Amino acid sequence: ALRMPVVLAPIGGLQRMTKNAANDVDTAAEACGIMNFISTVTEPSIED
């Protein structure tokens, strides 16, 4: 389920752009009710 037909594409190196890296994008995606793709080449870890 998506709140709107939007997904966030994976972006590498997010730790260079925001302190919490992919977690910031993930938090935003959850707040918007959409899906995000996590890049292999960004931090933090898969599990985090």
All heavy atoms as atom14 arrays in JSON, in Angstrom:
{
  "sequence": "ALRMPVVLAPIGGLQRMTKNAANDVDTAAEACGIMNFISTVTEPSIED",
  "atom14_mask": [
    [1, 1, 1, 1, 1, 0, 0, 0, 0, 0, 0, 0, 0, 0],
    [1, 1, 1, 1, 1, 1, 1, 1, 0, 0, 0, 0, 0, 0],
    [1, 1, 1, 1, 1, 1, 1, 1, 1, 1, 1, 0, 0, 0],
    [1, 1, 1, 1, 1, 1, 1, 1, 0, 0, 0, 0, 0, 0],
    [1, 1, 1, 1, 1, 1, 1, 0, 0, 0, 0, 0, 0, 0],
    [1, 1, 1, 1, 1, 1, 1, 0, 0, 0, 0, 0, 0, 0],
    [1, 1, 1, 1, 1, 1, 1, 0, 0, 0, 0, 0, 0, 0],
    [1, 1, 1, 1, 1, 1, 1, 1, 0, 0, 0, 0, 0, 0],
    [1, 1, 1, 1, 1, 0, 0, 0, 0, 0, 0, 0, 0, 0],
    [1, 1, 1, 1, 1, 1, 1, 0, 0, 0, 0, 0, 0, 0],
    [1, 1, 1, 1, 1, 1, 1, 1, 0, 0, 0, 0, 0, 0],
    [1, 1, 1, 1, 0, 0, 0, 0, 0, 0, 0, 0, 0, 0],
    [1, 1, 1, 1, 0, 0, 0, 0, 0, 0, 0, 0, 0, 0],
    [1, 1, 1, 1, 1, 1, 1, 1, 0, 0, 0, 0, 0, 0],
    [1, 1, 1, 1, 1, 1, 1, 1, 1, 0, 0, 0, 0, 0],
    [1, 1, 1, 1, 1, 1, 1, 1, 1, 1, 1, 0, 0, 0],
    [1, 1, 1, 1, 1, 1, 1, 1, 0, 0, 0, 0, 0, 0],
    [1, 1, 1, 1, 1, 1, 1, 0, 0, 0, 0, 0, 0, 0],
    [1, 1, 1, 1, 1, 1, 1, 1, 1, 0, 0, 0, 0, 0],
    [1, 1, 1, 1, 1, 1, 1, 1, 0, 0, 0, 0, 0, 0],
    [1, 1, 1, 1, 1, 0, 0, 0, 0, 0, 0, 0, 0, 0],
    [1, 1, 1, 1, 1, 0, 0, 0, 0, 0, 0, 0, 0, 0],
    [1, 1, 1, 1, 1, 1, 1, 1, 0, 0, 0, 0, 0, 0],
    [1, 1, 1, 1, 1, 1, 1, 1, 0, 0, 0, 0, 0, 0],
    [1, 1, 1, 1, 1, 1, 1, 0, 0, 0, 0, 0, 0, 0],
    [1, 1, 1, 1, 1, 1, 1, 1, 0, 0, 0, 0, 0, 0],
    [1, 1, 1, 1, 1, 1, 1, 0, 0, 0, 0, 0, 0, 0],
    [1, 1, 1, 1, 1, 0, 0, 0, 0, 0, 0, 0, 0, 0],
    [1, 1, 1, 1, 1, 0, 0, 0, 0, 0, 0, 0, 0, 0],
    [1, 1, 1, 1, 1, 1, 1, 1, 1, 0, 0, 0, 0, 0],
    [1, 1, 1, 1, 1, 0, 0, 0, 0, 0, 0, 0, 0, 0],
    [1, 1, 1, 1, 1, 1, 0, 0, 0, 0, 0, 0, 0, 0],
    [1, 1, 1, 1, 0, 0, 0, 0, 0, 0, 0, 0, 0, 0],
    [1, 1, 1, 1, 1, 1, 1, 1, 0, 0, 0, 0, 0, 0],
    [1, 1, 1, 1, 1, 1, 1, 1, 0, 0, 0, 0, 0, 0],
    [1, 1, 1, 1, 1, 1, 1, 1, 0, 0, 0, 0, 0, 0],
    [1, 1, 1, 1, 1, 1, 1, 1, 1, 1, 1, 0, 0, 0],
    [1, 1, 1, 1, 1, 1, 1, 1, 0, 0, 0, 0, 0, 0],
    [1, 1, 1, 1, 1, 1, 0, 0, 0, 0, 0, 0, 0, 0],
    [1, 1, 1, 1, 1, 1, 1, 0, 0, 0, 0, 0, 0, 0],
    [1, 1, 1, 1, 1, 1, 1, 0, 0, 0, 0, 0, 0, 0],
    [1, 1, 1, 1, 1, 1, 1, 0, 0, 0, 0, 0, 0, 0],
    [1, 1, 1, 1, 1, 1, 1, 1, 1, 0, 0, 0, 0, 0],
    [1, 1, 1, 1, 1, 1, 1, 0, 0, 0, 0, 0, 0, 0],
    [1, 1, 1, 1, 1, 1, 0, 0, 0, 0, 0, 0, 0, 0],
    [1, 1, 1, 1, 1, 1, 1, 1, 0, 0, 0, 0, 0, 0],
    [1, 1, 1, 1, 1, 1, 1, 1, 1, 0, 0, 0, 0, 0],
    [1, 1, 1, 1, 1, 1, 1, 1, 0, 0, 0, 0, 0, 0]
  ],
  "atom14_positions": [
    [[0.83, -1.21, 0.0], [0.0, 0.0, 0.0], [0.86, 1.25, 0.0], [1.86, 1.34, 0.73], [-0.91, 0.0, 1.22], [0.0, 0.0, 0.0], [0.0, 0.0, 0.0], [0.0, 0.0, 0.0], [0.0, 0.0, 0.0], [0.0, 0.0, 0.0], [0.0, 0.0, 0.0], [0.0, 0.0, 0.0], [0.0, 0.0, 0.0], [0.0, 0.0, 0.0]],
    [[0.46, 2.23, -0.82], [1.13, 3.52, -0.88], [0.1, 4.63, -0.7], [-1.01, 4.53, -1.21], [1.84, 3.71, -2.23], [2.91, 2.7, -2.64], [3.42, 3.02, -4.04], [4.05, 2.69, -1.64], [0.0, 0.0, 0.0], [0.0, 0.0, 0.0], [0.0, 0.0, 0.0], [0.0, 0.0, 0.0], [0.0, 0.0, 0.0], [0.0, 0.0, 0.0]],
    [[0.48, 5.68, 0.0], [-0.42, 6.82, 0.18], [-0.62, 7.56, -1.14], [-1.66, 8.16, -1.39], [0.17, 7.75, 1.23], [-0.68, 8.96, 1.56], [0.01, 9.79, 2.61], [-0.65, 11.06, 2.82], [-0.13, 12.05, 3.53], [1.06, 11.91, 4.09], [-0.78, 13.18, 3.67], [0.0, 0.0, 0.0], [0.0, 0.0, 0.0], [0.0, 0.0, 0.0]],
    [[0.4, 7.53, -2.0], [0.34, 8.12, -3.33], [1.32, 7.36, -4.22], [2.24, 6.71, -3.72], [0.68, 9.61, -3.29], [1.97, 9.93, -2.58], [2.21, 11.73, -2.43], [3.54, 11.8, -1.23], [0.0, 0.0, 0.0], [0.0, 0.0, 0.0], [0.0, 0.0, 0.0], [0.0, 0.0, 0.0], [0.0, 0.0, 0.0], [0.0, 0.0, 0.0]],
    [[1.14, 7.4, -5.54], [1.98, 6.6, -6.44], [3.38, 7.19, -6.63], [3.75, 7.66, -7.7], [1.18, 6.61, -7.75], [0.42, 7.88, -7.71], [0.05, 8.09, -6.26], [0.0, 0.0, 0.0], [0.0, 0.0, 0.0], [0.0, 0.0, 0.0], [0.0, 0.0, 0.0], [0.0, 0.0, 0.0], [0.0, 0.0, 0.0], [0.0, 0.0, 0.0]],
    [[4.15, 7.16, -5.54], [5.51, 7.71, -5.55], [6.43, 6.75, -4.81], [6.06, 6.2, -3.77], [5.55, 9.09, -4.86], [6.99, 9.59, -4.73], [4.72, 10.1, -5.63], [0.0, 0.0, 0.0], [0.0, 0.0, 0.0], [0.0, 0.0, 0.0], [0.0, 0.0, 0.0], [0.0, 0.0, 0.0], [0.0, 0.0, 0.0], [0.0, 0.0, 0.0]],
    [[7.63, 6.55, -5.33], [8.67, 5.81, -4.62], [9.95, 6.65, -4.67], [10.15, 7.43, -5.6], [8.94, 4.41, -5.22], [7.7, 3.53, -5.11], [9.4, 4.51, -6.67], [0.0, 0.0, 0.0], [0.0, 0.0, 0.0], [0.0, 0.0, 0.0], [0.0, 0.0, 0.0], [0.0, 0.0, 0.0], [0.0, 0.0, 0.0], [0.0, 0.0, 0.0]],
    [[10.79, 6.5, -3.66], [12.06, 7.21, -3.6], [13.18, 6.31, -4.12], [13.4, 5.23, -3.58], [12.36, 7.67, -2.17], [11.33, 8.6, -1.54], [11.79, 9.01, -0.14], [11.09, 9.82, -2.42], [0.0, 0.0, 0.0], [0.0, 0.0, 0.0], [0.0, 0.0, 0.0], [0.0, 0.0, 0.0], [0.0, 0.0, 0.0], [0.0, 0.0, 0.0]],
    [[13.86, 6.75, -5.15], [14.92, 5.95, -5.78], [16.14, 5.85, -4.86], [16.37, 6.71, -4.01], [15.32, 6.59, -7.11], [0.0, 0.0, 0.0], [0.0, 0.0, 0.0], [0.0, 0.0, 0.0], [0.0, 0.0, 0.0], [0.0, 0.0, 0.0], [0.0, 0.0, 0.0], [0.0, 0.0, 0.0], [0.0, 0.0, 0.0], [0.0, 0.0, 0.0]],
    [[16.94, 4.8, -5.03], [18.15, 4.66, -4.21], [19.21, 5.69, -4.6], [19.42, 5.97, -5.78], [18.63, 3.24, -4.55], [18.09, 2.97, -5.91], [16.77, 3.68, -5.97], [0.0, 0.0, 0.0], [0.0, 0.0, 0.0], [0.0, 0.0, 0.0], [0.0, 0.0, 0.0], [0.0, 0.0, 0.0], [0.0, 0.0, 0.0], [0.0, 0.0, 0.0]],
    [[19.84, 6.29, -3.6], [20.91, 7.25, -3.81], [22.11, 6.83, -2.98], [21.99, 6.63, -1.76], [20.48, 8.68, -3.42], [19.28, 9.12, -4.26], [21.64, 9.66, -3.58], [18.75, 10.5, -3.88], [0.0, 0.0, 0.0], [0.0, 0.0, 0.0], [0.0, 0.0, 0.0], [0.0, 0.0, 0.0], [0.0, 0.0, 0.0], [0.0, 0.0, 0.0]],
    [[23.25, 6.7, -3.61], [24.47, 6.32, -2.9], [25.08, 7.49, -2.15], [24.89, 8.66, -2.51], [0.0, 0.0, 0.0], [0.0, 0.0, 0.0], [0.0, 0.0, 0.0], [0.0, 0.0, 0.0], [0.0, 0.0, 0.0], [0.0, 0.0, 0.0], [0.0, 0.0, 0.0], [0.0, 0.0, 0.0], [0.0, 0.0, 0.0], [0.0, 0.0, 0.0]],
    [[25.82, 7.18, -1.09], [26.57, 8.2, -0.38], [25.73, 9.22, 0.36], [26.14, 10.37, 0.52], [0.0, 0.0, 0.0], [0.0, 0.0, 0.0], [0.0, 0.0, 0.0], [0.0, 0.0, 0.0], [0.0, 0.0, 0.0], [0.0, 0.0, 0.0], [0.0, 0.0, 0.0], [0.0, 0.0, 0.0], [0.0, 0.0, 0.0], [0.0, 0.0, 0.0]],
    [[24.56, 8.83, 0.85], [23.7, 9.78, 1.55], [24.34, 10.34, 2.8], [23.97, 11.42, 3.27], [22.36, 9.12, 1.89], [21.39, 8.92, 0.73], [20.22, 8.04, 1.15], [20.89, 10.27, 0.22], [0.0, 0.0, 0.0], [0.0, 0.0, 0.0], [0.0, 0.0, 0.0], [0.0, 0.0, 0.0], [0.0, 0.0, 0.0], [0.0, 0.0, 0.0]],
    [[25.31, 9.62, 3.36], [26.0, 10.11, 4.56], [26.77, 11.39, 4.28], [27.13, 12.12, 5.22], [26.95, 9.04, 5.11], [28.1, 8.65, 4.19], [27.71, 7.56, 3.21], [26.53, 7.23, 3.05], [28.71, 6.98, 2.55], [0.0, 0.0, 0.0], [0.0, 0.0, 0.0], [0.0, 0.0, 0.0], [0.0, 0.0, 0.0], [0.0, 0.0, 0.0]],
    [[27.01, 11.71, 3.02], [27.68, 12.96, 2.67], [26.7, 14.14, 2.67], [27.12, 15.29, 2.61], [28.32, 12.85, 1.29], [29.46, 11.85, 1.21], [29.97, 11.76, -0.22], [31.15, 10.93, -0.28], [32.39, 11.37, -0.1], [32.59, 12.64, 0.14], [33.42, 10.54, -0.17], [0.0, 0.0, 0.0], [0.0, 0.0, 0.0], [0.0, 0.0, 0.0]],
    [[25.42, 13.83, 2.69], [24.42, 14.88, 2.49], [23.55, 15.13, 3.72], [22.98, 16.21, 3.86], [23.53, 14.5, 1.3], [24.34, 14.31, 0.03], [23.46, 13.34, -1.2], [24.85, 12.71, -2.15], [0.0, 0.0, 0.0], [0.0, 0.0, 0.0], [0.0, 0.0, 0.0], [0.0, 0.0, 0.0], [0.0, 0.0, 0.0], [0.0, 0.0, 0.0]],
    [[23.44, 14.14, 4.58], [22.63, 14.31, 5.79], [23.2, 13.42, 6.89], [23.7, 12.33, 6.61], [21.15, 13.95, 5.52], [20.4, 14.08, 6.72], [21.0, 12.55, 4.98], [0.0, 0.0, 0.0], [0.0, 0.0, 0.0], [0.0, 0.0, 0.0], [0.0, 0.0, 0.0], [0.0, 0.0, 0.0], [0.0, 0.0, 0.0], [0.0, 0.0, 0.0]],
    [[23.14, 13.9, 8.1], [23.8, 13.25, 9.23], [23.4, 11.79, 9.39], [24.24, 10.92, 9.61], [23.51, 14.02, 10.51], [24.14, 13.42, 11.76], [23.79, 14.22, 12.99], [24.39, 13.58, 14.24], [24.03, 14.36, 15.47], [0.0, 0.0, 0.0], [0.0, 0.0, 0.0], [0.0, 0.0, 0.0], [0.0, 0.0, 0.0], [0.0, 0.0, 0.0]],
    [[22.11, 11.51, 9.3], [21.63, 10.14, 9.53], [21.52, 9.32, 8.25], [20.93, 8.24, 8.25], [20.27, 10.19, 10.24], [20.38, 10.78, 11.63], [21.29, 10.46, 12.39], [19.46, 11.66, 11.98], [0.0, 0.0, 0.0], [0.0, 0.0, 0.0], [0.0, 0.0, 0.0], [0.0, 0.0, 0.0], [0.0, 0.0, 0.0], [0.0, 0.0, 0.0]],
    [[22.05, 9.88, 7.17], [22.15, 9.16, 5.89], [20.81, 8.57, 5.47], [19.79, 9.24, 5.49], [23.25, 8.1, 5.97], [0.0, 0.0, 0.0], [0.0, 0.0, 0.0], [0.0, 0.0, 0.0], [0.0, 0.0, 0.0], [0.0, 0.0, 0.0], [0.0, 0.0, 0.0], [0.0, 0.0, 0.0], [0.0, 0.0, 0.0], [0.0, 0.0, 0.0]],
    [[20.81, 7.28, 5.11], [19.6, 6.64, 4.58], [18.46, 6.61, 5.58], [17.29, 6.53, 5.2], [19.93, 5.23, 4.1], [0.0, 0.0, 0.0], [0.0, 0.0, 0.0], [0.0, 0.0, 0.0], [0.0, 0.0, 0.0], [0.0, 0.0, 0.0], [0.0, 0.0, 0.0], [0.0, 0.0, 0.0], [0.0, 0.0, 0.0], [0.0, 0.0, 0.0]],
    [[18.77, 6.69, 6.87], [17.7, 6.68, 7.87], [16.82, 7.92, 7.78], [15.62, 7.86, 8.04], [18.3, 6.57, 9.27], [18.67, 5.15, 9.64], [18.29, 4.21, 8.94], [19.42, 4.99, 10.71], [0.0, 0.0, 0.0], [0.0, 0.0, 0.0], [0.0, 0.0, 0.0], [0.0, 0.0, 0.0], [0.0, 0.0, 0.0], [0.0, 0.0, 0.0]],
    [[17.42, 9.06, 7.42], [16.61, 10.27, 7.25], [15.62, 10.12, 6.1], [14.46, 10.51, 6.2], [17.52, 11.48, 7.0], [18.1, 12.04, 8.29], [17.57, 11.72, 9.37], [19.09, 12.8, 8.21], [0.0, 0.0, 0.0], [0.0, 0.0, 0.0], [0.0, 0.0, 0.0], [0.0, 0.0, 0.0], [0.0, 0.0, 0.0], [0.0, 0.0, 0.0]],
    [[16.1, 9.55, 5.0], [15.22, 9.33, 3.85], [14.15, 8.31, 4.2], [12.97, 8.47, 3.83], [16.04, 8.85, 2.63], [15.13, 8.53, 1.46], [17.06, 9.92, 2.23], [0.0, 0.0, 0.0], [0.0, 0.0, 0.0], [0.0, 0.0, 0.0], [0.0, 0.0, 0.0], [0.0, 0.0, 0.0], [0.0, 0.0, 0.0], [0.0, 0.0, 0.0]],
    [[14.53, 7.28, 4.92], [13.57, 6.25, 5.32], [12.49, 6.81, 6.22], [11.3, 6.51, 6.07], [14.33, 5.12, 6.03], [13.43, 3.96, 6.41], [12.85, 3.35, 5.5], [13.28, 3.69, 7.62], [0.0, 0.0, 0.0], [0.0, 0.0, 0.0], [0.0, 0.0, 0.0], [0.0, 0.0, 0.0], [0.0, 0.0, 0.0], [0.0, 0.0, 0.0]],
    [[12.88, 7.66, 7.15], [11.92, 8.3, 8.05], [10.94, 9.16, 7.26], [9.72, 9.17, 7.52], [12.64, 9.15, 9.1], [13.49, 8.29, 9.9], [11.66, 9.87, 10.01], [0.0, 0.0, 0.0], [0.0, 0.0, 0.0], [0.0, 0.0, 0.0], [0.0, 0.0, 0.0], [0.0, 0.0, 0.0], [0.0, 0.0, 0.0], [0.0, 0.0, 0.0]],
    [[11.47, 9.9, 6.3], [10.61, 10.76, 5.47], [9.64, 9.92, 4.64], [8.47, 10.27, 4.49], [11.47, 11.62, 4.55], [0.0, 0.0, 0.0], [0.0, 0.0, 0.0], [0.0, 0.0, 0.0], [0.0, 0.0, 0.0], [0.0, 0.0, 0.0], [0.0, 0.0, 0.0], [0.0, 0.0, 0.0], [0.0, 0.0, 0.0], [0.0, 0.0, 0.0]],
    [[10.11, 8.81, 4.1], [9.25, 7.94, 3.29], [8.12, 7.37, 4.13], [6.96, 7.32, 3.69], [10.08, 6.81, 2.68], [0.0, 0.0, 0.0], [0.0, 0.0, 0.0], [0.0, 0.0, 0.0], [0.0, 0.0, 0.0], [0.0, 0.0, 0.0], [0.0, 0.0, 0.0], [0.0, 0.0, 0.0], [0.0, 0.0, 0.0], [0.0, 0.0, 0.0]],
    [[8.43, 6.96, 5.34], [7.38, 6.42, 6.22], [6.35, 7.51, 6.54], [5.14, 7.26, 6.51], [7.99, 5.88, 7.5], [6.93, 5.28, 8.43], [7.49, 4.87, 9.77], [8.45, 5.51, 10.24], [6.95, 3.92, 10.36], [0.0, 0.0, 0.0], [0.0, 0.0, 0.0], [0.0, 0.0, 0.0], [0.0, 0.0, 0.0], [0.0, 0.0, 0.0]],
    [[6.83, 8.72, 6.82], [5.92, 9.81, 7.16], [5.0, 10.15, 6.0], [3.84, 10.53, 6.21], [6.72, 11.05, 7.57], [0.0, 0.0, 0.0], [0.0, 0.0, 0.0], [0.0, 0.0, 0.0], [0.0, 0.0, 0.0], [0.0, 0.0, 0.0], [0.0, 0.0, 0.0], [0.0, 0.0, 0.0], [0.0, 0.0, 0.0], [0.0, 0.0, 0.0]],
    [[5.49, 9.98, 4.78], [4.69, 10.3, 3.59], [3.85, 9.12, 3.12], [3.03, 9.26, 2.21], [5.6, 10.75, 2.45], [6.37, 12.36, 2.73], [0.0, 0.0, 0.0], [0.0, 0.0, 0.0], [0.0, 0.0, 0.0], [0.0, 0.0, 0.0], [0.0, 0.0, 0.0], [0.0, 0.0, 0.0], [0.0, 0.0, 0.0], [0.0, 0.0, 0.0]],
    [[4.07, 7.95, 3.71], [3.3, 6.78, 3.31], [3.7, 6.23, 1.96], [2.87, 5.66, 1.24], [0.0, 0.0, 0.0], [0.0, 0.0, 0.0], [0.0, 0.0, 0.0], [0.0, 0.0, 0.0], [0.0, 0.0, 0.0], [0.0, 0.0, 0.0], [0.0, 0.0, 0.0], [0.0, 0.0, 0.0], [0.0, 0.0, 0.0], [0.0, 0.0, 0.0]],
    [[4.98, 6.38, 1.61], [5.47, 5.87, 0.33], [6.62, 4.89, 0.56], [7.03, 4.67, 1.69], [5.94, 7.03, -0.59], [7.06, 7.82, 0.07], [4.75, 7.93, -0.93], [7.61, 8.94, -0.79], [0.0, 0.0, 0.0], [0.0, 0.0, 0.0], [0.0, 0.0, 0.0], [0.0, 0.0, 0.0], [0.0, 0.0, 0.0], [0.0, 0.0, 0.0]],
    [[7.12, 4.33, -0.51], [8.17, 3.33, -0.43], [9.51, 3.94, -0.83], [9.58, 4.8, -1.7], [7.85, 2.14, -1.35], [8.86, 1.0, -1.26], [8.42, -0.36, -2.39], [6.9, -0.92, -1.63], [0.0, 0.0, 0.0], [0.0, 0.0, 0.0], [0.0, 0.0, 0.0], [0.0, 0.0, 0.0], [0.0, 0.0, 0.0], [0.0, 0.0, 0.0]],
    [[10.57, 3.5, -0.17], [11.91, 3.95, -0.55], [12.82, 2.76, -0.85], [12.65, 1.67, -0.31], [12.53, 4.81, 0.56], [12.54, 4.13, 1.91], [11.54, 3.58, 2.35], [13.68, 4.17, 2.58], [0.0, 0.0, 0.0], [0.0, 0.0, 0.0], [0.0, 0.0, 0.0], [0.0, 0.0, 0.0], [0.0, 0.0, 0.0], [0.0, 0.0, 0.0]],
    [[13.75, 3.0, -1.76], [14.74, 2.01, -2.14], [16.07, 2.39, -1.48], [16.5, 3.54, -1.58], [14.9, 1.96, -3.66], [13.76, 1.29, -4.38], [12.45, 1.72, -4.22], [14.0, 0.22, -5.22], [11.4, 1.11, -4.88], [12.96, -0.41, -5.9], [11.66, 0.03, -5.73], [0.0, 0.0, 0.0], [0.0, 0.0, 0.0], [0.0, 0.0, 0.0]],
    [[16.72, 1.45, -0.85], [17.97, 1.69, -0.14], [19.14, 1.25, -1.01], [19.19, 0.12, -1.48], [18.01, 0.92, 1.19], [16.73, 1.13, 2.0], [19.25, 1.31, 1.99], [16.44, 2.55, 2.34], [0.0, 0.0, 0.0], [0.0, 0.0, 0.0], [0.0, 0.0, 0.0], [0.0, 0.0, 0.0], [0.0, 0.0, 0.0], [0.0, 0.0, 0.0]],
    [[20.09, 2.15, -1.21], [21.24, 1.86, -2.06], [22.25, 0.96, -1.35], [22.47, 1.08, -0.13], [21.93, 3.16, -2.48], [23.16, 2.89, -3.13], [0.0, 0.0, 0.0], [0.0, 0.0, 0.0], [0.0, 0.0, 0.0], [0.0, 0.0, 0.0], [0.0, 0.0, 0.0], [0.0, 0.0, 0.0], [0.0, 0.0, 0.0], [0.0, 0.0, 0.0]],
    [[22.89, 0.09, -2.11], [23.98, -0.73, -1.58], [25.12, 0.14, -1.07], [25.83, -0.22, -0.14], [24.54, -1.67, -2.68], [23.47, -2.44, -3.21], [25.61, -2.6, -2.14], [0.0, 0.0, 0.0], [0.0, 0.0, 0.0], [0.0, 0.0, 0.0], [0.0, 0.0, 0.0], [0.0, 0.0, 0.0], [0.0, 0.0, 0.0], [0.0, 0.0, 0.0]],
    [[25.31, 1.3, -1.7], [26.49, 2.12, -1.42], [26.12, 3.38, -0.62], [26.52, 4.49, -0.94], [27.23, 2.49, -2.72], [27.9, 1.26, -3.29], [26.29, 3.08, -3.76], [0.0, 0.0, 0.0], [0.0, 0.0, 0.0], [0.0, 0.0, 0.0], [0.0, 0.0, 0.0], [0.0, 0.0, 0.0], [0.0, 0.0, 0.0], [0.0, 0.0, 0.0]],
    [[25.33, 3.18, 0.42], [25.06, 4.27, 1.34], [25.1, 3.72, 2.75], [25.03, 2.51, 2.97], [23.7, 4.93, 1.05], [23.63, 6.18, 1.75], [22.55, 4.04, 1.48], [0.0, 0.0, 0.0], [0.0, 0.0, 0.0], [0.0, 0.0, 0.0], [0.0, 0.0, 0.0], [0.0, 0.0, 0.0], [0.0, 0.0, 0.0], [0.0, 0.0, 0.0]],
    [[25.22, 4.59, 3.7], [25.19, 4.2, 5.11], [23.82, 4.54, 5.68], [23.07, 5.3, 5.08], [26.29, 4.96, 5.87], [27.69, 4.6, 5.42], [28.76, 5.38, 6.17], [28.41, 6.23, 7.04], [29.95, 5.19, 5.88], [0.0, 0.0, 0.0], [0.0, 0.0, 0.0], [0.0, 0.0, 0.0], [0.0, 0.0, 0.0], [0.0, 0.0, 0.0]],
    [[23.45, 3.97, 6.84], [24.15, 2.96, 7.62], [23.96, 1.55, 7.05], [23.69, 1.42, 5.86], [23.52, 3.11, 9.01], [22.12, 3.56, 8.73], [22.23, 4.45, 7.53], [0.0, 0.0, 0.0], [0.0, 0.0, 0.0], [0.0, 0.0, 0.0], [0.0, 0.0, 0.0], [0.0, 0.0, 0.0], [0.0, 0.0, 0.0], [0.0, 0.0, 0.0]],
    [[24.07, 0.54, 7.89], [24.05, -0.84, 7.41], [22.65, -1.29, 6.99], [21.65, -0.62, 7.26], [24.55, -1.77, 8.52], [23.6, -1.84, 9.58], [0.0, 0.0, 0.0], [0.0, 0.0, 0.0], [0.0, 0.0, 0.0], [0.0, 0.0, 0.0], [0.0, 0.0, 0.0], [0.0, 0.0, 0.0], [0.0, 0.0, 0.0], [0.0, 0.0, 0.0]],
    [[22.6, -2.41, 6.3], [21.34, -3.03, 5.9], [20.41, -3.16, 7.1], [19.23, -2.78, 7.05], [21.61, -4.42, 5.29], [22.35, -4.29, 3.96], [20.3, -5.21, 5.12], [22.8, -5.63, 3.4], [0.0, 0.0, 0.0], [0.0, 0.0, 0.0], [0.0, 0.0, 0.0], [0.0, 0.0, 0.0], [0.0, 0.0, 0.0], [0.0, 0.0, 0.0]],
    [[20.94, -3.68, 8.19], [20.13, -3.93, 9.37], [19.68, -2.64, 10.05], [18.55, -2.55, 10.54], [20.93, -4.8, 10.36], [21.21, -6.22, 9.88], [22.35, -6.32, 8.87], [23.08, -5.32, 8.68], [22.51, -7.4, 8.26], [0.0, 0.0, 0.0], [0.0, 0.0, 0.0], [0.0, 0.0, 0.0], [0.0, 0.0, 0.0], [0.0, 0.0, 0.0]],
    [[20.56, -1.64, 10.09], [20.2, -0.38, 10.76], [19.06, 0.33, 10.05], [18.15, 0.86, 10.7], [21.43, 0.54, 10.82], [22.45, 0.09, 11.85], [22.08, -0.72, 12.73], [23.62, 0.53, 11.78], [0.0, 0.0, 0.0], [0.0, 0.0, 0.0], [0.0, 0.0, 0.0], [0.0, 0.0, 0.0], [0.0, 0.0, 0.0], [0.0, 0.0, 0.0]]
  ]
}
